[in-house]
Amino acid sequence: MVAETNIAGWSNSQMAQKVAMDIQDGSYVNLGIGIPEMVAGFIPEGREVIYHTENGLLGMGKVPAPGCEDPELINAGKKCVTAIPGACYFHHADSFTMIRGGHIDVCVLGALQVSEEGDLANWSTGEPGAIPAVGGAMDLVAGVKTIYVIMQHTTKTGEAKIVHQCTYPLTGKNVVNRIYSNLAILDVVDRKLYVRELAPEVTLEYLQKMTEAELFIYPDKNN
């Protein structure tokens, strides 16, 4: 499906802020590379969130100031980070034990496609010559309690990214709990997509036009 896109909706920063507001106080959180990394900058004042990285750090802090980077202190995306007081470092295998053992509360990831049942494809298009870059994504979606996806609603050419069935190699089946796109916030409930919030100027009719999967409305709009 190719749809004409002419409503921008939320910016990347606004999407990240929406996600940040939904992360509960005291949560242990893993942020994917790209737009998900922006979420850390919008956590409300006074709310404690402990960040985990796959390469072995619990207690990641803010981005270091220019000139203050420590090349030996990086996240899973190889970007320089800081550590908060009380942070701890551990073996890569121990980091994945935390993930697989269900000790991380929330993971925020980008996506190439999400299906109406909550299937996620975010590591490869499957095209010949494509470089696999799954990283820890398969472990994260299998072991983390809540999976949030943040992404543009369509591709740059207007093709739907929220589809009936993913055509790209899957990262995980029935793993996504909520989608934050530039056009709307969608919940995956009982393998159906429910509209939680629309971006400014976006109508339900327009959103459905940009979405291959069928969308549903909560019986009670306050849900």
Protein backbone atom coordinates (compact mmCIF):
# COMPACT_ATOMS: atom_id res chain seq x y z
CA MET A 1 0.00 0.00 0.00
CA VAL A 2 1.27 3.47 -0.90
CA ALA A 3 -0.45 6.44 0.62
CA GLU A 4 -0.06 10.14 0.08
CA THR A 5 1.46 11.76 3.16
CA ASN A 6 0.80 15.45 3.76
CA ILE A 7 0.30 15.74 7.53
CA ALA A 8 3.53 15.78 9.51
CA GLY A 9 2.00 15.13 12.93
CA TRP A 10 4.36 14.98 15.89
CA SER A 11 8.10 15.61 15.54
CA ASN A 12 10.65 13.04 16.71
CA SER A 13 11.12 15.03 19.91
CA GLN A 14 7.40 15.13 20.57
CA MET A 15 7.12 11.38 20.02
CA ALA A 16 10.00 10.81 22.44
CA GLN A 17 8.27 13.02 25.00
CA LYS A 18 5.06 10.99 24.66
CA VAL A 19 6.99 7.81 25.40
CA ALA A 20 8.81 9.39 28.35
CA MET A 21 5.53 10.39 29.99
CA ASP A 22 4.36 6.75 29.92
CA ILE A 23 7.44 5.29 31.66
CA GLN A 24 6.69 4.76 35.33
CA ASP A 25 8.80 5.95 38.23
CA GLY A 26 11.40 3.39 39.30
CA SER A 27 11.48 1.59 35.95
CA TYR A 28 14.52 -0.18 34.54
CA VAL A 29 14.65 0.81 30.88
CA ASN A 30 16.60 -0.15 27.76
CA LEU A 31 16.59 2.37 24.89
CA GLY A 32 17.30 1.36 21.29
CA ILE A 33 19.49 3.31 18.89
CA GLY A 34 18.13 6.41 17.13
CA ILE A 35 14.88 8.12 18.11
CA PRO A 36 14.48 5.89 21.21
CA GLU A 37 17.65 7.43 22.68
CA MET A 38 15.86 10.79 22.79
CA VAL A 39 13.38 9.48 25.36
CA ALA A 40 15.90 9.88 28.20
CA GLY A 41 15.90 13.66 27.69
CA PHE A 42 12.17 13.98 28.44
CA ILE A 43 11.69 12.00 31.65
CA PRO A 44 9.79 14.33 34.03
CA GLU A 45 11.71 15.98 36.86
CA GLY A 46 11.63 13.88 40.01
CA ARG A 47 10.87 10.60 38.22
CA GLU A 48 13.64 8.02 38.62
CA VAL A 49 14.43 5.83 35.62
CA ILE A 50 17.46 3.50 35.59
CA TYR A 51 18.90 2.88 32.12
CA HIS A 52 20.40 -0.44 31.09
CA THR A 53 22.65 -1.09 28.10
CA GLU A 54 23.32 -4.49 26.54
CA ASN A 55 27.09 -4.05 26.71
CA GLY A 56 27.10 -4.08 30.51
CA LEU A 57 26.06 -0.85 32.25
CA LEU A 58 23.17 -0.27 34.63
CA GLY A 59 22.77 3.39 35.55
CA MET A 60 23.55 5.23 32.31
CA GLY A 61 23.54 9.01 32.75
CA LYS A 62 23.21 12.00 30.45
CA VAL A 63 25.19 12.56 27.27
CA PRO A 64 28.65 13.88 28.25
CA ALA A 65 29.46 17.51 27.61
CA PRO A 66 31.70 18.20 24.58
CA GLY A 67 35.30 17.52 25.54
CA CYS A 68 34.33 15.41 28.56
CA GLU A 69 33.78 12.13 26.72
CA ASP A 70 35.37 8.96 28.06
CA PRO A 71 36.05 6.64 25.09
CA GLU A 72 35.93 3.65 27.42
CA LEU A 73 32.42 4.49 28.64
CA ILE A 74 30.01 3.79 25.77
CA ASN A 75 26.55 2.36 25.26
CA ALA A 76 25.54 -0.53 23.00
CA GLY A 77 25.41 1.86 20.06
CA LYS A 78 29.09 2.79 20.65
CA LYS A 79 28.18 6.32 21.71
CA CYS A 80 29.90 7.95 24.67
CA VAL A 81 27.73 8.12 27.78
CA THR A 82 28.07 8.97 31.46
CA ALA A 83 27.24 6.93 34.56
CA ILE A 84 25.10 8.06 37.48
CA PRO A 85 26.22 7.62 41.13
CA GLY A 86 25.70 3.99 42.08
CA ALA A 87 25.95 2.73 38.50
CA CYS A 88 27.48 -0.70 37.98
CA TYR A 89 29.36 -2.47 35.22
CA PHE A 90 29.20 -6.15 34.43
CA HIS A 91 29.99 -8.80 31.86
CA HIS A 92 28.10 -8.81 28.57
CA ALA A 93 26.68 -12.23 29.42
CA ASP A 94 25.34 -10.94 32.76
CA SER A 95 23.67 -8.07 30.91
CA PHE A 96 21.76 -10.52 28.74
CA THR A 97 20.89 -12.61 31.78
CA MET A 98 19.12 -9.52 33.13
CA ILE A 99 17.27 -9.13 29.83
CA ARG A 100 16.33 -12.79 29.39
CA GLY A 101 15.43 -13.13 33.05
CA GLY A 102 12.70 -10.49 32.85
CA HIS A 103 14.47 -7.92 35.03
CA ILE A 104 14.07 -4.98 32.61
CA ASP A 105 10.70 -3.24 32.75
CA VAL A 106 10.55 -1.30 29.48
CA CYS A 107 12.35 -1.39 26.15
CA VAL A 108 11.90 1.33 23.51
CA LEU A 109 12.80 0.32 19.96
CA GLY A 110 12.52 1.57 16.40
CA ALA A 111 10.82 -0.53 13.72
CA LEU A 112 10.71 -1.24 10.02
CA GLN A 113 7.27 -2.85 10.34
CA VAL A 114 4.76 -3.73 13.06
CA SER A 115 1.83 -6.06 12.37
CA GLU A 116 -1.71 -5.70 13.67
CA GLU A 117 -0.99 -8.55 16.11
CA GLY A 118 2.09 -6.87 17.55
CA ASP A 119 4.74 -8.69 15.52
CA LEU A 120 7.93 -6.65 15.18
CA ALA A 121 10.40 -6.46 12.30
CA ASN A 122 13.25 -4.07 13.00
CA TRP A 123 16.58 -5.60 12.06
CA SER A 124 16.62 -6.35 8.33
CA THR A 125 14.65 -5.86 5.14
CA GLY A 126 15.71 -9.32 4.01
CA GLU A 127 16.99 -7.96 0.72
CA PRO A 128 20.05 -9.59 -0.89
CA GLY A 129 23.17 -7.91 0.40
CA ALA A 130 21.39 -6.38 3.40
CA ILE A 131 23.66 -6.28 6.44
CA PRO A 132 22.05 -8.03 9.44
CA ALA A 133 22.07 -5.81 12.51
CA VAL A 134 19.84 -7.56 15.01
CA GLY A 135 22.05 -6.74 18.00
CA GLY A 136 20.19 -7.58 21.20
CA ALA A 137 16.72 -6.83 19.82
CA MET A 138 15.50 -10.44 19.73
CA ASP A 139 16.53 -10.96 23.34
CA LEU A 140 14.98 -7.67 24.40
CA VAL A 141 11.56 -8.32 22.87
CA ALA A 142 11.53 -11.83 24.31
CA GLY A 143 12.62 -10.91 27.84
CA VAL A 144 11.52 -7.34 28.61
CA LYS A 145 8.11 -6.88 30.24
CA THR A 146 6.85 -3.97 28.10
CA ILE A 147 7.86 -3.14 24.52
CA TYR A 148 7.24 0.33 23.11
CA VAL A 149 7.94 1.07 19.44
CA ILE A 150 8.64 4.60 18.25
CA MET A 151 8.76 5.29 14.50
CA GLN A 152 7.46 7.23 11.52
CA HIS A 153 4.02 5.99 10.52
CA THR A 154 5.01 5.42 6.89
CA THR A 155 8.19 5.02 4.87
CA LYS A 156 9.76 7.97 3.05
CA THR A 157 7.87 6.87 -0.07
CA GLY A 158 4.53 6.68 1.76
CA GLU A 159 4.26 2.92 2.25
CA ALA A 160 2.51 1.70 5.37
CA LYS A 161 4.76 0.41 8.17
CA ILE A 162 1.85 -0.79 10.32
CA VAL A 163 0.64 -3.79 8.36
CA HIS A 164 -1.54 -6.91 8.43
CA GLN A 165 1.53 -9.15 8.37
CA CYS A 166 5.21 -8.21 8.40
CA THR A 167 6.99 -8.96 5.16
CA TYR A 168 10.45 -8.39 6.65
CA PRO A 169 12.27 -10.94 8.85
CA LEU A 170 10.71 -10.92 12.33
CA THR A 171 12.41 -9.79 15.48
CA GLY A 172 9.60 -11.25 17.59
CA LYS A 173 5.96 -12.35 17.38
CA ASN A 174 3.19 -10.70 19.42
CA VAL A 175 5.72 -8.66 21.41
CA VAL A 176 4.76 -4.99 20.87
CA ASN A 177 2.57 -3.37 23.52
CA ARG A 178 2.30 0.17 22.16
CA ILE A 179 3.27 2.07 19.00
CA TYR A 180 4.20 5.76 19.04
CA SER A 181 4.22 7.19 15.52
CA ASN A 182 4.21 10.74 14.21
CA LEU A 183 0.46 10.37 13.54
CA ALA A 184 -0.88 8.49 16.56
CA ILE A 185 -0.35 6.31 19.61
CA LEU A 186 -1.71 2.79 19.16
CA ASP A 187 -2.15 0.03 21.73
CA VAL A 188 -1.90 -3.65 20.84
CA VAL A 189 -4.72 -5.34 22.75
CA ASP A 190 -5.77 -8.95 22.10
CA ARG A 191 -3.87 -8.81 18.80
CA LYS A 192 -5.78 -5.77 17.56
CA LEU A 193 -4.70 -2.15 17.21
CA TYR A 194 -6.61 0.40 19.27
CA VAL A 195 -6.20 4.16 18.80
CA ARG A 196 -5.08 5.73 22.06
CA GLU A 197 -4.31 9.26 20.84
CA LEU A 198 -4.26 11.15 17.54
CA ALA A 199 -1.67 13.77 16.66
CA PRO A 200 -2.95 17.31 15.95
CA GLU A 201 -4.83 17.61 12.63
CA VAL A 202 -4.91 13.83 12.21
CA THR A 203 -8.37 12.34 11.81
CA LEU A 204 -9.25 8.69 12.29
CA GLU A 205 -10.10 8.46 8.59
CA TYR A 206 -6.69 9.86 7.61
CA LEU A 207 -4.90 7.55 10.06
CA GLN A 208 -6.65 4.49 8.63
CA LYS A 209 -5.70 5.60 5.13
CA MET A 210 -2.05 5.61 6.19
CA THR A 211 -2.33 2.24 7.94
CA GLU A 212 -2.63 -1.12 6.23
CA ALA A 213 -3.83 -2.86 9.40
CA GLU A 214 -7.39 -2.34 10.64
CA LEU A 215 -7.72 0.16 13.50
CA PHE A 216 -10.18 -0.02 16.38
CA ILE A 217 -11.59 2.54 18.82
CA TYR A 218 -11.83 1.93 22.56
CA PRO A 219 -15.47 1.59 23.70
CA ASP A 220 -14.63 4.10 26.44
CA LYS A 221 -12.47 6.93 25.12
CA ASN A 222 -10.99 7.39 28.60
CA ASN A 223 -9.19 4.02 28.47
